[in-house]
Amino acid sequence: LSLGPDGLRLAPTLDSPRECGYFFTLESAGIY
């Protein structure tokens, strides 16, 4: 995901399908 002048953009990753991908946003220490 990225933001361009025309708004939100979604592009496939270049790797094989990333069923093992993950994403966390941390605002502080903790368990997520």
PDB file of all heavy atoms in Angstrom:
ATOM      1  N   LEU A   1       0.842  -1.192   0.000  1.00  0.00           N
ATOM      2  CA  LEU A   1       0.000   0.000   0.000  1.00  0.00           C
ATOM      3  C   LEU A   1       0.879   1.244   0.000  1.00  0.00           C
ATOM      4  O   LEU A   1       1.910   1.284   0.676  1.00  0.00           O
ATOM      5  CB  LEU A   1      -0.902   0.021   1.232  1.00  0.00           C
ATOM      6  CG  LEU A   1      -1.523  -1.299   1.687  1.00  0.00           C
ATOM      7  CD1 LEU A   1      -2.320  -1.091   2.954  1.00  0.00           C
ATOM      8  CD2 LEU A   1      -2.388  -1.884   0.590  1.00  0.00           C
ATOM      9  N   SER A   2       0.463   2.253  -0.725  1.00  0.00           N
ATOM     10  CA  SER A   2       1.165   3.531  -0.722  1.00  0.00           C
ATOM     11  C   SER A   2       0.165   4.634  -1.049  1.00  0.00           C
ATOM     12  O   SER A   2      -0.954   4.363  -1.492  1.00  0.00           O
ATOM     13  CB  SER A   2       2.312   3.539  -1.735  1.00  0.00           C
ATOM     14  OG  SER A   2       1.822   3.335  -3.046  1.00  0.00           O
ATOM     15  N   LEU A   3       0.591   5.883  -0.803  1.00  0.00           N
ATOM     16  CA  LEU A   3      -0.253   7.041  -1.106  1.00  0.00           C
ATOM     17  C   LEU A   3       0.411   7.867  -2.192  1.00  0.00           C
ATOM     18  O   LEU A   3       1.542   8.328  -2.028  1.00  0.00           O
ATOM     19  CB  LEU A   3      -0.461   7.903   0.139  1.00  0.00           C
ATOM     20  CG  LEU A   3      -1.659   7.605   1.027  1.00  0.00           C
ATOM     21  CD1 LEU A   3      -1.667   8.564   2.204  1.00  0.00           C
ATOM     22  CD2 LEU A   3      -2.963   7.698   0.263  1.00  0.00           C
ATOM     23  N   GLY A   4      -0.287   8.034  -3.320  1.00  0.00           N
ATOM     24  CA  GLY A   4       0.193   8.897  -4.383  1.00  0.00           C
ATOM     25  C   GLY A   4      -0.701  10.115  -4.499  1.00  0.00           C
ATOM     26  O   GLY A   4      -1.679  10.264  -3.758  1.00  0.00           O
ATOM     27  N   PRO A   5      -0.391  11.026  -5.407  1.00  0.00           N
ATOM     28  CA  PRO A   5      -1.226  12.225  -5.595  1.00  0.00           C
ATOM     29  C   PRO A   5      -2.680  11.887  -5.891  1.00  0.00           C
ATOM     30  O   PRO A   5      -3.585  12.646  -5.539  1.00  0.00           O
ATOM     31  CB  PRO A   5      -0.562  12.933  -6.785  1.00  0.00           C
ATOM     32  CG  PRO A   5       0.841  12.431  -6.793  1.00  0.00           C
ATOM     33  CD  PRO A   5       0.766  11.013  -6.317  1.00  0.00           C
ATOM     34  N   ASP A   6      -2.884  10.737  -6.557  1.00  0.00           N
ATOM     35  CA  ASP A   6      -4.251  10.353  -6.895  1.00  0.00           C
ATOM     36  C   ASP A   6      -4.926   9.532  -5.809  1.00  0.00           C
ATOM     37  O   ASP A   6      -6.045   9.055  -5.987  1.00  0.00           O
ATOM     38  CB  ASP A   6      -4.265   9.581  -8.218  1.00  0.00           C
ATOM     39  CG  ASP A   6      -3.342   8.359  -8.188  1.00  0.00           C
ATOM     40  OD1 ASP A   6      -2.503   8.275  -7.272  1.00  0.00           O
ATOM     41  OD2 ASP A   6      -3.463   7.503  -9.080  1.00  0.00           O
ATOM     42  N   GLY A   7      -4.243   9.343  -4.687  1.00  0.00           N
ATOM     43  CA  GLY A   7      -4.856   8.640  -3.562  1.00  0.00           C
ATOM     44  C   GLY A   7      -4.196   7.318  -3.245  1.00  0.00           C
ATOM     45  O   GLY A   7      -3.014   7.103  -3.521  1.00  0.00           O
ATOM     46  N   LEU A   8      -4.964   6.425  -2.675  1.00  0.00           N
ATOM     47  CA  LEU A   8      -4.463   5.143  -2.205  1.00  0.00           C
ATOM     48  C   LEU A   8      -4.114   4.234  -3.380  1.00  0.00           C
ATOM     49  O   LEU A   8      -4.880   4.106  -4.331  1.00  0.00           O
ATOM     50  CB  LEU A   8      -5.529   4.480  -1.328  1.00  0.00           C
ATOM     51  CG  LEU A   8      -5.149   3.195  -0.607  1.00  0.00           C
ATOM     52  CD1 LEU A   8      -4.063   3.447   0.424  1.00  0.00           C
ATOM     53  CD2 LEU A   8      -6.392   2.601   0.070  1.00  0.00           C
ATOM     54  N   ARG A   9      -2.950   3.590  -3.273  1.00  0.00           N
ATOM     55  CA  ARG A   9      -2.514   2.659  -4.306  1.00  0.00           C
ATOM     56  C   ARG A   9      -2.233   1.297  -3.681  1.00  0.00           C
ATOM     57  O   ARG A   9      -1.621   1.210  -2.616  1.00  0.00           O
ATOM     58  CB  ARG A   9      -1.234   3.165  -4.989  1.00  0.00           C
ATOM     59  CG  ARG A   9      -1.398   4.492  -5.713  1.00  0.00           C
ATOM     60  CD  ARG A   9      -0.058   4.980  -6.229  1.00  0.00           C
ATOM     61  NE  ARG A   9      -0.177   6.226  -6.973  1.00  0.00           N
ATOM     62  CZ  ARG A   9       0.871   6.911  -7.422  1.00  0.00           C
ATOM     63  NH1 ARG A   9       2.101   6.467  -7.214  1.00  0.00           N
ATOM     64  NH2 ARG A   9       0.688   8.037  -8.098  1.00  0.00           N
ATOM     65  N   LEU A  10      -2.669   0.245  -4.362  1.00  0.00           N
ATOM     66  CA  LEU A  10      -2.401  -1.125  -3.935  1.00  0.00           C
ATOM     67  C   LEU A  10      -1.730  -1.855  -5.081  1.00  0.00           C
ATOM     68  O   LEU A  10      -2.232  -1.832  -6.206  1.00  0.00           O
ATOM     69  CB  LEU A  10      -3.685  -1.867  -3.547  1.00  0.00           C
ATOM     70  CG  LEU A  10      -4.257  -1.619  -2.145  1.00  0.00           C
ATOM     71  CD1 LEU A  10      -4.899  -0.241  -2.058  1.00  0.00           C
ATOM     72  CD2 LEU A  10      -5.276  -2.692  -1.797  1.00  0.00           C
ATOM     73  N   ALA A  11      -0.597  -2.477  -4.799  1.00  0.00           N
ATOM     74  CA  ALA A  11       0.112  -3.233  -5.825  1.00  0.00           C
ATOM     75  C   ALA A  11       0.476  -4.603  -5.275  1.00  0.00           C
ATOM     76  O   ALA A  11       0.773  -4.740  -4.073  1.00  0.00           O
ATOM     77  CB  ALA A  11       1.380  -2.487  -6.254  1.00  0.00           C
ATOM     78  N   PRO A  12       0.459  -5.629  -6.113  1.00  0.00           N
ATOM     79  CA  PRO A  12       0.872  -6.961  -5.630  1.00  0.00           C
ATOM     80  C   PRO A  12       2.339  -6.951  -5.244  1.00  0.00           C
ATOM     81  O   PRO A  12       3.144  -6.221  -5.823  1.00  0.00           O
ATOM     82  CB  PRO A  12       0.634  -7.872  -6.843  1.00  0.00           C
ATOM     83  CG  PRO A  12      -0.258  -7.090  -7.756  1.00  0.00           C
ATOM     84  CD  PRO A  12       0.042  -5.649  -7.507  1.00  0.00           C
ATOM     85  N   THR A  13       2.713  -7.726  -4.238  1.00  0.00           N
ATOM     86  CA  THR A  13       4.120  -7.900  -3.926  1.00  0.00           C
ATOM     87  C   THR A  13       4.761  -8.691  -5.051  1.00  0.00           C
ATOM     88  O   THR A  13       4.101  -9.398  -5.792  1.00  0.00           O
ATOM     89  CB  THR A  13       4.311  -8.668  -2.603  1.00  0.00           C
ATOM     90  OG1 THR A  13       3.727  -9.959  -2.741  1.00  0.00           O
ATOM     91  CG2 THR A  13       3.668  -7.934  -1.454  1.00  0.00           C
ATOM     92  N   LEU A  14       6.075  -8.575  -5.167  1.00  0.00           N
ATOM     93  CA  LEU A  14       6.775  -9.253  -6.242  1.00  0.00           C
ATOM     94  C   LEU A  14       7.166 -10.670  -5.872  1.00  0.00           C
ATOM     95  O   LEU A  14       7.577 -11.450  -6.718  1.00  0.00           O
ATOM     96  CB  LEU A  14       8.043  -8.463  -6.614  1.00  0.00           C
ATOM     97  CG  LEU A  14       7.776  -7.038  -7.093  1.00  0.00           C
ATOM     98  CD1 LEU A  14       9.087  -6.367  -7.459  1.00  0.00           C
ATOM     99  CD2 LEU A  14       6.835  -7.036  -8.283  1.00  0.00           C
ATOM    100  N   ASP A  15       7.073 -10.997  -4.589  1.00  0.00           N
ATOM    101  CA  ASP A  15       7.347 -12.367  -4.166  1.00  0.00           C
ATOM    102  C   ASP A  15       6.164 -13.245  -4.513  1.00  0.00           C
ATOM    103  O   ASP A  15       5.125 -12.781  -4.977  1.00  0.00           O
ATOM    104  CB  ASP A  15       7.570 -12.434  -2.639  1.00  0.00           C
ATOM    105  CG  ASP A  15       8.971 -11.986  -2.277  1.00  0.00           C
ATOM    106  OD1 ASP A  15       9.865 -12.043  -3.140  1.00  0.00           O
ATOM    107  OD2 ASP A  15       9.162 -11.576  -1.127  1.00  0.00           O
ATOM    108  N   SER A  16       6.289 -14.554  -4.247  1.00  0.00           N
ATOM    109  CA  SER A  16       5.160 -15.458  -4.377  1.00  0.00           C
ATOM    110  C   SER A  16       4.107 -15.050  -3.358  1.00  0.00           C
ATOM    111  O   SER A  16       4.395 -14.278  -2.443  1.00  0.00           O
ATOM    112  CB  SER A  16       5.615 -16.893  -4.117  1.00  0.00           C
ATOM    113  OG  SER A  16       6.234 -16.987  -2.847  1.00  0.00           O
ATOM    114  N   PRO A  17       2.850 -15.521  -3.471  1.00  0.00           N
ATOM    115  CA  PRO A  17       1.787 -15.083  -2.570  1.00  0.00           C
ATOM    116  C   PRO A  17       2.205 -15.111  -1.117  1.00  0.00           C
ATOM    117  O   PRO A  17       2.686 -16.112  -0.614  1.00  0.00           O
ATOM    118  CB  PRO A  17       0.663 -16.098  -2.855  1.00  0.00           C
ATOM    119  CG  PRO A  17       0.890 -16.476  -4.277  1.00  0.00           C
ATOM    120  CD  PRO A  17       2.391 -16.511  -4.438  1.00  0.00           C
ATOM    121  N   ARG A  18       2.021 -13.981  -0.423  1.00  0.00           N
ATOM    122  CA  ARG A  18       2.558 -13.814   0.920  1.00  0.00           C
ATOM    123  C   ARG A  18       1.518 -14.156   1.976  1.00  0.00           C
ATOM    124  O   ARG A  18       1.094 -13.315   2.770  1.00  0.00           O
ATOM    125  CB  ARG A  18       3.056 -12.381   1.100  1.00  0.00           C
ATOM    126  CG  ARG A  18       4.153 -12.014   0.123  1.00  0.00           C
ATOM    127  CD  ARG A  18       4.571 -10.588   0.302  1.00  0.00           C
ATOM    128  NE  ARG A  18       5.074 -10.328   1.636  1.00  0.00           N
ATOM    129  CZ  ARG A  18       6.309 -10.588   2.024  1.00  0.00           C
ATOM    130  NH1 ARG A  18       7.167 -11.144   1.197  1.00  0.00           N
ATOM    131  NH2 ARG A  18       6.698 -10.320   3.252  1.00  0.00           N
ATOM    132  N   GLU A  19       1.131 -15.417   2.013  1.00  0.00           N
ATOM    133  CA  GLU A  19       0.198 -15.835   3.048  1.00  0.00           C
ATOM    134  C   GLU A  19       0.856 -15.742   4.416  1.00  0.00           C
ATOM    135  O   GLU A  19       0.200 -15.811   5.440  1.00  0.00           O
ATOM    136  CB  GLU A  19      -0.291 -17.251   2.766  1.00  0.00           C
ATOM    137  CG  GLU A  19      -1.131 -17.337   1.492  1.00  0.00           C
ATOM    138  CD  GLU A  19      -1.596 -18.740   1.233  1.00  0.00           C
ATOM    139  OE1 GLU A  19      -1.252 -19.633   2.030  1.00  0.00           O
ATOM    140  OE2 GLU A  19      -2.299 -18.956   0.233  1.00  0.00           O
ATOM    141  N   CYS A  20       2.198 -15.668   4.435  1.00  0.00           N
ATOM    142  CA  CYS A  20       2.904 -15.587   5.712  1.00  0.00           C
ATOM    143  C   CYS A  20       3.258 -14.145   6.056  1.00  0.00           C
ATOM    144  O   CYS A  20       4.064 -13.912   6.950  1.00  0.00           O
ATOM    145  CB  CYS A  20       4.170 -16.445   5.665  1.00  0.00           C
ATOM    146  SG  CYS A  20       5.261 -16.044   4.298  1.00  0.00           S
ATOM    147  N   GLY A  21       2.723 -13.146   5.334  1.00  0.00           N
ATOM    148  CA  GLY A  21       3.033 -11.767   5.645  1.00  0.00           C
ATOM    149  C   GLY A  21       2.392 -11.314   6.938  1.00  0.00           C
ATOM    150  O   GLY A  21       1.438 -11.908   7.428  1.00  0.00           O
ATOM    151  N   TYR A  22       2.936 -10.254   7.532  1.00  0.00           N
ATOM    152  CA  TYR A  22       2.371  -9.707   8.771  1.00  0.00           C
ATOM    153  C   TYR A  22       2.665  -8.221   8.818  1.00  0.00           C
ATOM    154  O   TYR A  22       3.547  -7.710   8.103  1.00  0.00           O
ATOM    155  CB  TYR A  22       2.950 -10.414  10.001  1.00  0.00           C
ATOM    156  CG  TYR A  22       4.465 -10.413  10.062  1.00  0.00           C
ATOM    157  CD1 TYR A  22       5.152  -9.375  10.667  1.00  0.00           C
ATOM    158  CD2 TYR A  22       5.198 -11.448   9.499  1.00  0.00           C
ATOM    159  CE1 TYR A  22       6.534  -9.366  10.713  1.00  0.00           C
ATOM    160  CE2 TYR A  22       6.577 -11.460   9.541  1.00  0.00           C
ATOM    161  CZ  TYR A  22       7.244 -10.408  10.148  1.00  0.00           C
ATOM    162  OH  TYR A  22       8.621 -10.390  10.179  1.00  0.00           O
ATOM    163  N   PHE A  23       1.927  -7.512   9.644  1.00  0.00           N
ATOM    164  CA  PHE A  23       2.036  -6.057   9.719  1.00  0.00           C
ATOM    165  C   PHE A  23       1.533  -5.607  11.087  1.00  0.00           C
ATOM    166  O   PHE A  23       0.421  -5.941  11.479  1.00  0.00           O
ATOM    167  CB  PHE A  23       1.184  -5.413   8.616  1.00  0.00           C
ATOM    168  CG  PHE A  23       1.292  -3.930   8.542  1.00  0.00           C
ATOM    169  CD1 PHE A  23       2.161  -3.328   7.661  1.00  0.00           C
ATOM    170  CD2 PHE A  23       0.503  -3.119   9.352  1.00  0.00           C
ATOM    171  CE1 PHE A  23       2.252  -1.940   7.589  1.00  0.00           C
ATOM    172  CE2 PHE A  23       0.591  -1.743   9.288  1.00  0.00           C
ATOM    173  CZ  PHE A  23       1.466  -1.158   8.395  1.00  0.00           C
ATOM    174  N   PHE A  24       2.365  -4.888  11.825  1.00  0.00           N
ATOM    175  CA  PHE A  24       1.979  -4.353  13.123  1.00  0.00           C
ATOM    176  C   PHE A  24       2.335  -2.868  13.171  1.00  0.00           C
ATOM    177  O   PHE A  24       3.387  -2.454  12.666  1.00  0.00           O
ATOM    178  CB  PHE A  24       2.726  -5.040  14.266  1.00  0.00           C
ATOM    179  CG  PHE A  24       2.420  -6.506  14.422  1.00  0.00           C
ATOM    180  CD1 PHE A  24       3.209  -7.463  13.785  1.00  0.00           C
ATOM    181  CD2 PHE A  24       1.371  -6.937  15.212  1.00  0.00           C
ATOM    182  CE1 PHE A  24       2.946  -8.808  13.929  1.00  0.00           C
ATOM    183  CE2 PHE A  24       1.100  -8.281  15.364  1.00  0.00           C
ATOM    184  CZ  PHE A  24       1.894  -9.227  14.715  1.00  0.00           C
ATOM    185  N   THR A  25       1.480  -2.062  13.787  1.00  0.00           N
ATOM    186  CA  THR A  25       1.793  -0.669  14.079  1.00  0.00           C
ATOM    187  C   THR A  25       1.906  -0.515  15.591  1.00  0.00           C
ATOM    188  O   THR A  25       0.938  -0.745  16.320  1.00  0.00           O
ATOM    189  CB  THR A  25       0.706   0.279  13.543  1.00  0.00           C
ATOM    190  OG1 THR A  25       0.599   0.121  12.128  1.00  0.00           O
ATOM    191  CG2 THR A  25       1.072   1.722  13.845  1.00  0.00           C
ATOM    192  N   LEU A  26       3.083  -0.122  16.057  1.00  0.00           N
ATOM    193  CA  LEU A  26       3.337   0.002  17.487  1.00  0.00           C
ATOM    194  C   LEU A  26       3.302   1.472  17.887  1.00  0.00           C
ATOM    195  O   LEU A  26       4.005   2.301  17.289  1.00  0.00           O
ATOM    196  CB  LEU A  26       4.710  -0.578  17.859  1.00  0.00           C
ATOM    197  CG  LEU A  26       4.854  -2.093  17.997  1.00  0.00           C
ATOM    198  CD1 LEU A  26       4.599  -2.791  16.668  1.00  0.00           C
ATOM    199  CD2 LEU A  26       6.240  -2.453  18.514  1.00  0.00           C
ATOM    200  N   GLU A  27       2.508   1.789  18.883  1.00  0.00           N
ATOM    201  CA  GLU A  27       2.489   3.126  19.471  1.00  0.00           C
ATOM    202  C   GLU A  27       3.297   3.162  20.753  1.00  0.00           C
ATOM    203  O   GLU A  27       3.624   4.234  21.260  1.00  0.00           O
ATOM    204  CB  GLU A  27       1.047   3.552  19.768  1.00  0.00           C
ATOM    205  CG  GLU A  27       0.147   3.621  18.543  1.00  0.00           C
ATOM    206  CD  GLU A  27       0.428   4.835  17.669  1.00  0.00           C
ATOM    207  OE1 GLU A  27       1.250   5.675  18.079  1.00  0.00           O
ATOM    208  OE2 GLU A  27      -0.165   4.915  16.589  1.00  0.00           O
ATOM    209  N   SER A  28       3.620   1.986  21.281  1.00  0.00           N
ATOM    210  CA  SER A  28       4.373   1.879  22.531  1.00  0.00           C
ATOM    211  C   SER A  28       4.788   0.426  22.699  1.00  0.00           C
ATOM    212  O   SER A  28       4.466  -0.429  21.872  1.00  0.00           O
ATOM    213  CB  SER A  28       3.513   2.325  23.726  1.00  0.00           C
ATOM    214  OG  SER A  28       2.406   1.444  23.878  1.00  0.00           O
ATOM    215  N   ALA A  29       5.499   0.139  23.784  1.00  0.00           N
ATOM    216  CA  ALA A  29       5.807  -1.250  24.117  1.00  0.00           C
ATOM    217  C   ALA A  29       4.505  -1.974  24.446  1.00  0.00           C
ATOM    218  O   ALA A  29       3.515  -1.369  24.846  1.00  0.00           O
ATOM    219  CB  ALA A  29       6.769  -1.308  25.294  1.00  0.00           C
ATOM    220  N   GLY A  30       4.499  -3.293  24.268  1.00  0.00           N
ATOM    221  CA  GLY A  30       3.301  -4.058  24.578  1.00  0.00           C
ATOM    222  C   GLY A  30       3.288  -5.371  23.837  1.00  0.00           C
ATOM    223  O   GLY A  30       4.263  -5.751  23.179  1.00  0.00           O
ATOM    224  N   ILE A  31       2.173  -6.072  23.927  1.00  0.00           N
ATOM    225  CA  ILE A  31       1.971  -7.331  23.225  1.00  0.00           C
ATOM    226  C   ILE A  31       0.894  -7.096  22.169  1.00  0.00           C
ATOM    227  O   ILE A  31      -0.193  -6.614  22.470  1.00  0.00           O
ATOM    228  CB  ILE A  31       1.555  -8.457  24.192  1.00  0.00           C
ATOM    229  CG1 ILE A  31       2.674  -8.713  25.207  1.00  0.00           C
ATOM    230  CG2 ILE A  31       1.236  -9.735  23.427  1.00  0.00           C
ATOM    231  CD1 ILE A  31       2.315  -9.738  26.268  1.00  0.00           C
ATOM    232  N   TYR A  32       1.218  -7.448  20.937  1.00  0.00           N
ATOM    233  CA  TYR A  32       0.312  -7.240  19.816  1.00  0.00           C
ATOM    234  C   TYR A  32       0.035  -8.591  19.157  1.00  0.00           C
ATOM    235  O   TYR A  32       0.886  -9.474  19.160  1.00  0.00           O
ATOM    236  CB  TYR A  32       0.934  -6.293  18.788  1.00  0.00           C
ATOM    237  CG  TYR A  32       1.229  -4.910  19.312  1.00  0.00           C
ATOM    238  CD1 TYR A  32       2.363  -4.671  20.095  1.00  0.00           C
ATOM    239  CD2 TYR A  32       0.392  -3.836  19.018  1.00  0.00           C
ATOM    240  CE1 TYR A  32       2.643  -3.396  20.574  1.00  0.00           C
ATOM    241  CE2 TYR A  32       0.678  -2.565  19.487  1.00  0.00           C
ATOM    242  CZ  TYR A  32       1.802  -2.347  20.270  1.00  0.00           C
ATOM    243  OH  TYR A  32       2.073  -1.090  20.729  1.00  0.00           O
TER     244      TYR A  32
END
